Amino acid sequence: MSLVTAYTAEEFDSVILSSDKPVLVDFWAGWCGPCRALAPIVEQIAEEHADSLIVGKVDVDSEQALSQKYKIMSIPCVILFKDGEPVAQSLGAVSKDELLSRLSEHL
């Protein structure tokens, strides 16, 4: 069972704004090779940090309003939200260690 939840625009704000935990969101698309390469890493992070982190994903093709709201210009783009605000971001397919390094200050 995946611990990564697919978010739609309708539920995104309520989850992000009401979470007492940091929320990691992977903005991706099915046709994006680097996005597919990053997906297992995001899953691993979700499993390893299930007690302290909520992990979700947003399909940029289906949820274009969210992509515009957060100025997603390139994918994969992973954004860490804390207290409802974006606090860290990682662009491109990176290793698990690199992704965690970019986010660690806020976890």
N, C-alpha and C. Protein backbone atom coordinates (compact mmCIF):
# COMPACT_ATOMS: atom_id res chain seq x y z
N MET A 1 0.83 -1.17 0.00
CA MET A 1 0.00 0.00 0.00
C MET A 1 0.89 1.25 0.00
N SER A 2 0.57 2.16 -0.89
CA SER A 2 1.36 3.38 -1.00
C SER A 2 0.99 4.38 0.09
N LEU A 3 1.99 5.03 0.63
CA LEU A 3 1.77 6.08 1.61
C LEU A 3 1.75 7.46 0.95
N VAL A 4 1.86 7.48 -0.38
CA VAL A 4 1.85 8.73 -1.13
C VAL A 4 0.44 8.93 -1.68
N THR A 5 -0.20 10.02 -1.29
CA THR A 5 -1.57 10.33 -1.69
C THR A 5 -1.58 11.27 -2.88
N ALA A 6 -2.42 10.95 -3.87
CA ALA A 6 -2.59 11.86 -5.01
C ALA A 6 -3.58 12.94 -4.61
N TYR A 7 -3.18 14.20 -4.73
CA TYR A 7 -4.02 15.32 -4.34
C TYR A 7 -4.63 15.99 -5.56
N THR A 8 -5.89 16.40 -5.39
CA THR A 8 -6.55 17.25 -6.37
C THR A 8 -6.59 18.66 -5.79
N ALA A 9 -6.93 19.62 -6.62
CA ALA A 9 -7.01 21.01 -6.16
C ALA A 9 -8.03 21.15 -5.04
N GLU A 10 -9.12 20.38 -5.11
CA GLU A 10 -10.19 20.50 -4.13
C GLU A 10 -9.72 20.12 -2.72
N GLU A 11 -8.82 19.18 -2.61
CA GLU A 11 -8.39 18.73 -1.28
C GLU A 11 -7.01 19.26 -0.88
N PHE A 12 -6.28 19.79 -1.82
CA PHE A 12 -4.90 20.19 -1.58
C PHE A 12 -4.79 21.21 -0.45
N ASP A 13 -5.50 22.33 -0.57
CA ASP A 13 -5.38 23.38 0.45
C ASP A 13 -5.80 22.90 1.83
N SER A 14 -6.86 22.12 1.89
CA SER A 14 -7.32 21.66 3.21
C SER A 14 -6.29 20.74 3.86
N VAL A 15 -5.62 19.91 3.08
CA VAL A 15 -4.60 19.02 3.62
C VAL A 15 -3.37 19.83 4.03
N ILE A 16 -2.90 20.67 3.13
CA ILE A 16 -1.68 21.45 3.39
C ILE A 16 -1.88 22.40 4.57
N LEU A 17 -2.98 23.12 4.57
CA LEU A 17 -3.20 24.14 5.59
C LEU A 17 -3.54 23.57 6.96
N SER A 18 -4.13 22.37 6.98
CA SER A 18 -4.56 21.82 8.27
C SER A 18 -3.56 20.83 8.87
N SER A 19 -2.51 20.51 8.16
CA SER A 19 -1.56 19.50 8.64
C SER A 19 -0.66 20.06 9.74
N ASP A 20 -0.54 19.28 10.81
CA ASP A 20 0.40 19.66 11.87
C ASP A 20 1.79 19.09 11.58
N LYS A 21 1.90 18.28 10.53
CA LYS A 21 3.18 17.74 10.09
C LYS A 21 3.61 18.44 8.80
N PRO A 22 4.89 18.44 8.50
CA PRO A 22 5.31 18.92 7.18
C PRO A 22 4.70 18.04 6.09
N VAL A 23 4.43 18.62 4.93
CA VAL A 23 3.84 17.90 3.81
C VAL A 23 4.78 18.02 2.61
N LEU A 24 5.23 16.87 2.11
CA LEU A 24 6.10 16.80 0.94
C LEU A 24 5.23 16.51 -0.27
N VAL A 25 5.28 17.36 -1.29
CA VAL A 25 4.44 17.18 -2.48
C VAL A 25 5.32 17.08 -3.71
N ASP A 26 5.10 15.99 -4.45
CA ASP A 26 5.82 15.73 -5.69
C ASP A 26 4.92 16.15 -6.86
N PHE A 27 5.30 17.21 -7.57
CA PHE A 27 4.59 17.64 -8.77
C PHE A 27 5.19 16.86 -9.94
N TRP A 28 4.37 16.10 -10.66
CA TRP A 28 4.86 15.16 -11.64
C TRP A 28 3.88 15.03 -12.81
N ALA A 29 4.23 14.22 -13.80
CA ALA A 29 3.34 13.85 -14.90
C ALA A 29 3.71 12.44 -15.36
N GLY A 30 2.73 11.71 -15.83
CA GLY A 30 2.94 10.33 -16.26
C GLY A 30 3.89 10.18 -17.43
N TRP A 31 3.96 11.18 -18.29
CA TRP A 31 4.82 11.12 -19.48
C TRP A 31 6.26 11.51 -19.18
N CYS A 32 6.53 11.95 -17.96
CA CYS A 32 7.84 12.49 -17.58
C CYS A 32 8.76 11.38 -17.06
N GLY A 33 9.79 11.05 -17.81
CA GLY A 33 10.73 10.00 -17.40
C GLY A 33 11.42 10.29 -16.08
N PRO A 34 11.98 11.48 -15.89
CA PRO A 34 12.60 11.79 -14.60
C PRO A 34 11.62 11.70 -13.42
N CYS A 35 10.35 12.03 -13.69
CA CYS A 35 9.32 11.92 -12.63
C CYS A 35 9.15 10.46 -12.22
N ARG A 36 9.12 9.58 -13.21
CA ARG A 36 8.98 8.15 -12.91
C ARG A 36 10.21 7.62 -12.18
N ALA A 37 11.37 8.17 -12.49
CA ALA A 37 12.60 7.76 -11.80
C ALA A 37 12.59 8.22 -10.34
N LEU A 38 12.00 9.38 -10.08
CA LEU A 38 11.97 9.92 -8.73
C LEU A 38 10.89 9.28 -7.86
N ALA A 39 9.84 8.76 -8.48
CA ALA A 39 8.69 8.22 -7.74
C ALA A 39 9.07 7.18 -6.67
N PRO A 40 9.93 6.19 -6.96
CA PRO A 40 10.28 5.23 -5.91
C PRO A 40 11.01 5.87 -4.73
N ILE A 41 11.77 6.91 -5.00
CA ILE A 41 12.49 7.63 -3.93
C ILE A 41 11.49 8.34 -3.03
N VAL A 42 10.49 8.97 -3.64
CA VAL A 42 9.45 9.64 -2.87
C VAL A 42 8.69 8.62 -2.02
N GLU A 43 8.42 7.45 -2.59
CA GLU A 43 7.75 6.37 -1.84
C GLU A 43 8.59 5.94 -0.64
N GLN A 44 9.89 5.77 -0.85
CA GLN A 44 10.78 5.37 0.25
C GLN A 44 10.77 6.40 1.37
N ILE A 45 10.82 7.66 1.00
CA ILE A 45 10.80 8.73 2.00
C ILE A 45 9.47 8.69 2.76
N ALA A 46 8.38 8.46 2.05
CA ALA A 46 7.06 8.37 2.70
C ALA A 46 7.04 7.24 3.72
N GLU A 47 7.60 6.10 3.36
CA GLU A 47 7.63 4.95 4.27
C GLU A 47 8.53 5.21 5.48
N GLU A 48 9.70 5.74 5.23
CA GLU A 48 10.69 5.93 6.29
C GLU A 48 10.34 7.07 7.25
N HIS A 49 9.53 8.02 6.78
CA HIS A 49 9.19 9.18 7.60
C HIS A 49 7.68 9.28 7.85
N ALA A 50 7.00 8.14 7.82
CA ALA A 50 5.54 8.12 7.95
C ALA A 50 5.05 8.74 9.24
N ASP A 51 5.84 8.67 10.30
CA ASP A 51 5.41 9.23 11.58
C ASP A 51 5.58 10.74 11.66
N SER A 52 6.41 11.34 10.79
CA SER A 52 6.70 12.76 10.92
C SER A 52 6.43 13.58 9.67
N LEU A 53 5.95 12.93 8.60
CA LEU A 53 5.82 13.62 7.32
C LEU A 53 4.63 13.05 6.54
N ILE A 54 3.86 13.92 5.92
CA ILE A 54 2.81 13.51 4.99
C ILE A 54 3.38 13.68 3.59
N VAL A 55 3.17 12.71 2.73
CA VAL A 55 3.73 12.77 1.37
C VAL A 55 2.60 12.62 0.37
N GLY A 56 2.58 13.52 -0.61
CA GLY A 56 1.57 13.47 -1.64
C GLY A 56 2.16 13.78 -3.00
N LYS A 57 1.31 13.66 -4.01
CA LYS A 57 1.75 13.99 -5.36
C LYS A 57 0.62 14.70 -6.09
N VAL A 58 1.01 15.52 -7.04
CA VAL A 58 0.06 16.27 -7.85
C VAL A 58 0.43 16.08 -9.31
N ASP A 59 -0.51 15.59 -10.10
CA ASP A 59 -0.32 15.43 -11.54
C ASP A 59 -0.50 16.81 -12.18
N VAL A 60 0.57 17.37 -12.72
CA VAL A 60 0.52 18.73 -13.25
C VAL A 60 -0.40 18.86 -14.46
N ASP A 61 -0.65 17.78 -15.18
CA ASP A 61 -1.56 17.84 -16.32
C ASP A 61 -3.02 17.94 -15.87
N SER A 62 -3.38 17.19 -14.83
CA SER A 62 -4.76 17.21 -14.34
C SER A 62 -5.04 18.38 -13.43
N GLU A 63 -4.03 18.86 -12.76
CA GLU A 63 -4.20 19.91 -11.75
C GLU A 63 -3.40 21.15 -12.14
N GLN A 64 -3.75 21.71 -13.29
CA GLN A 64 -3.01 22.84 -13.82
C GLN A 64 -3.10 24.08 -12.93
N ALA A 65 -4.22 24.26 -12.24
CA ALA A 65 -4.36 25.43 -11.36
C ALA A 65 -3.34 25.37 -10.23
N LEU A 66 -3.11 24.18 -9.66
CA LEU A 66 -2.10 24.04 -8.61
C LEU A 66 -0.70 24.29 -9.15
N SER A 67 -0.46 23.80 -10.36
CA SER A 67 0.85 24.02 -10.99
C SER A 67 1.11 25.50 -11.18
N GLN A 68 0.09 26.23 -11.58
CA GLN A 68 0.24 27.67 -11.77
C GLN A 68 0.39 28.39 -10.43
N LYS A 69 -0.40 27.98 -9.45
CA LYS A 69 -0.35 28.62 -8.13
C LYS A 69 1.06 28.54 -7.53
N TYR A 70 1.71 27.37 -7.68
CA TYR A 70 3.04 27.18 -7.10
C TYR A 70 4.16 27.37 -8.12
N LYS A 71 3.82 27.94 -9.26
CA LYS A 71 4.79 28.32 -10.30
C LYS A 71 5.70 27.16 -10.71
N ILE A 72 5.07 26.02 -10.97
CA ILE A 72 5.81 24.84 -11.41
C ILE A 72 6.16 25.03 -12.89
N MET A 73 7.42 25.22 -13.17
CA MET A 73 7.88 25.45 -14.55
C MET A 73 8.61 24.24 -15.11
N SER A 74 9.05 23.35 -14.23
CA SER A 74 9.81 22.18 -14.62
C SER A 74 9.47 21.05 -13.66
N ILE A 75 9.40 19.83 -14.18
CA ILE A 75 9.11 18.67 -13.34
C ILE A 75 10.19 17.62 -13.54
N PRO A 76 10.41 16.76 -12.55
CA PRO A 76 9.74 16.73 -11.26
C PRO A 76 10.17 17.91 -10.38
N CYS A 77 9.21 18.36 -9.60
CA CYS A 77 9.45 19.43 -8.64
C CYS A 77 8.85 18.97 -7.31
N VAL A 78 9.67 18.88 -6.31
CA VAL A 78 9.22 18.45 -4.98
C VAL A 78 9.27 19.66 -4.07
N ILE A 79 8.13 19.94 -3.43
CA ILE A 79 8.05 21.08 -2.52
C ILE A 79 7.67 20.58 -1.13
N LEU A 80 8.37 21.08 -0.13
CA LEU A 80 8.05 20.78 1.26
C LEU A 80 7.29 21.96 1.84
N PHE A 81 6.10 21.67 2.35
CA PHE A 81 5.25 22.68 2.98
C PHE A 81 5.30 22.48 4.49
N LYS A 82 5.39 23.59 5.20
CA LYS A 82 5.36 23.55 6.66
C LYS A 82 4.47 24.70 7.12
N ASP A 83 3.52 24.38 7.98
CA ASP A 83 2.55 25.38 8.42
C ASP A 83 1.84 26.03 7.23
N GLY A 84 1.58 25.23 6.20
CA GLY A 84 0.84 25.69 5.03
C GLY A 84 1.64 26.48 4.02
N GLU A 85 2.92 26.69 4.26
CA GLU A 85 3.75 27.49 3.36
C GLU A 85 4.89 26.65 2.78
N PRO A 86 5.25 26.89 1.50
CA PRO A 86 6.41 26.20 0.93
C PRO A 86 7.69 26.69 1.61
N VAL A 87 8.51 25.75 2.09
CA VAL A 87 9.74 26.12 2.79
C VAL A 87 11.00 25.58 2.12
N ALA A 88 10.84 24.59 1.24
CA ALA A 88 11.99 24.02 0.53
C ALA A 88 11.51 23.41 -0.77
N GLN A 89 12.42 23.35 -1.74
CA GLN A 89 12.06 22.84 -3.05
C GLN A 89 13.25 22.11 -3.67
N SER A 90 12.94 21.10 -4.47
CA SER A 90 13.97 20.37 -5.20
C SER A 90 13.47 20.15 -6.62
N LEU A 91 14.29 20.48 -7.60
CA LEU A 91 13.93 20.29 -9.00
C LEU A 91 14.74 19.15 -9.61
N GLY A 92 14.09 18.39 -10.47
CA GLY A 92 14.77 17.34 -11.21
C GLY A 92 14.85 16.03 -10.45
N ALA A 93 15.27 15.01 -11.17
CA ALA A 93 15.44 13.69 -10.58
C ALA A 93 16.78 13.69 -9.84
N VAL A 94 16.71 13.52 -8.55
CA VAL A 94 17.91 13.51 -7.71
C VAL A 94 17.92 12.24 -6.88
N SER A 95 19.04 11.94 -6.28
CA SER A 95 19.14 10.77 -5.41
C SER A 95 18.35 11.02 -4.13
N LYS A 96 18.08 9.96 -3.43
CA LYS A 96 17.38 10.06 -2.15
C LYS A 96 18.18 10.92 -1.17
N ASP A 97 19.49 10.69 -1.11
CA ASP A 97 20.34 11.46 -0.21
C ASP A 97 20.32 12.94 -0.55
N GLU A 98 20.36 13.26 -1.83
CA GLU A 98 20.33 14.65 -2.27
C GLU A 98 19.00 15.30 -1.92
N LEU A 99 17.91 14.59 -2.17
CA LEU A 99 16.59 15.13 -1.86
C LEU A 99 16.45 15.39 -0.36
N LEU A 100 16.84 14.42 0.44
CA LEU A 100 16.75 14.60 1.89
C LEU A 100 17.66 15.72 2.37
N SER A 101 18.80 15.87 1.75
CA SER A 101 19.72 16.95 2.10
C SER A 101 19.09 18.31 1.84
N ARG A 102 18.39 18.43 0.72
CA ARG A 102 17.75 19.70 0.36
C ARG A 102 16.58 20.04 1.30
N LEU A 103 15.99 19.01 1.90
CA LEU A 103 14.81 19.21 2.74
C LEU A 103 15.09 19.15 4.23
N SER A 104 16.26 18.62 4.60
CA SER A 104 16.55 18.26 5.99
C SER A 104 16.41 19.41 6.98
N GLU A 105 16.72 20.59 6.57
CA GLU A 105 16.64 21.74 7.48
C GLU A 105 15.22 21.93 8.03
N HIS A 106 14.22 21.46 7.28
CA HIS A 106 12.83 21.69 7.66
C HIS A 106 12.10 20.43 8.15
N LEU A 107 12.80 19.31 8.18
CA LEU A 107 12.14 18.07 8.61
C LEU A 107 12.26 17.87 10.11
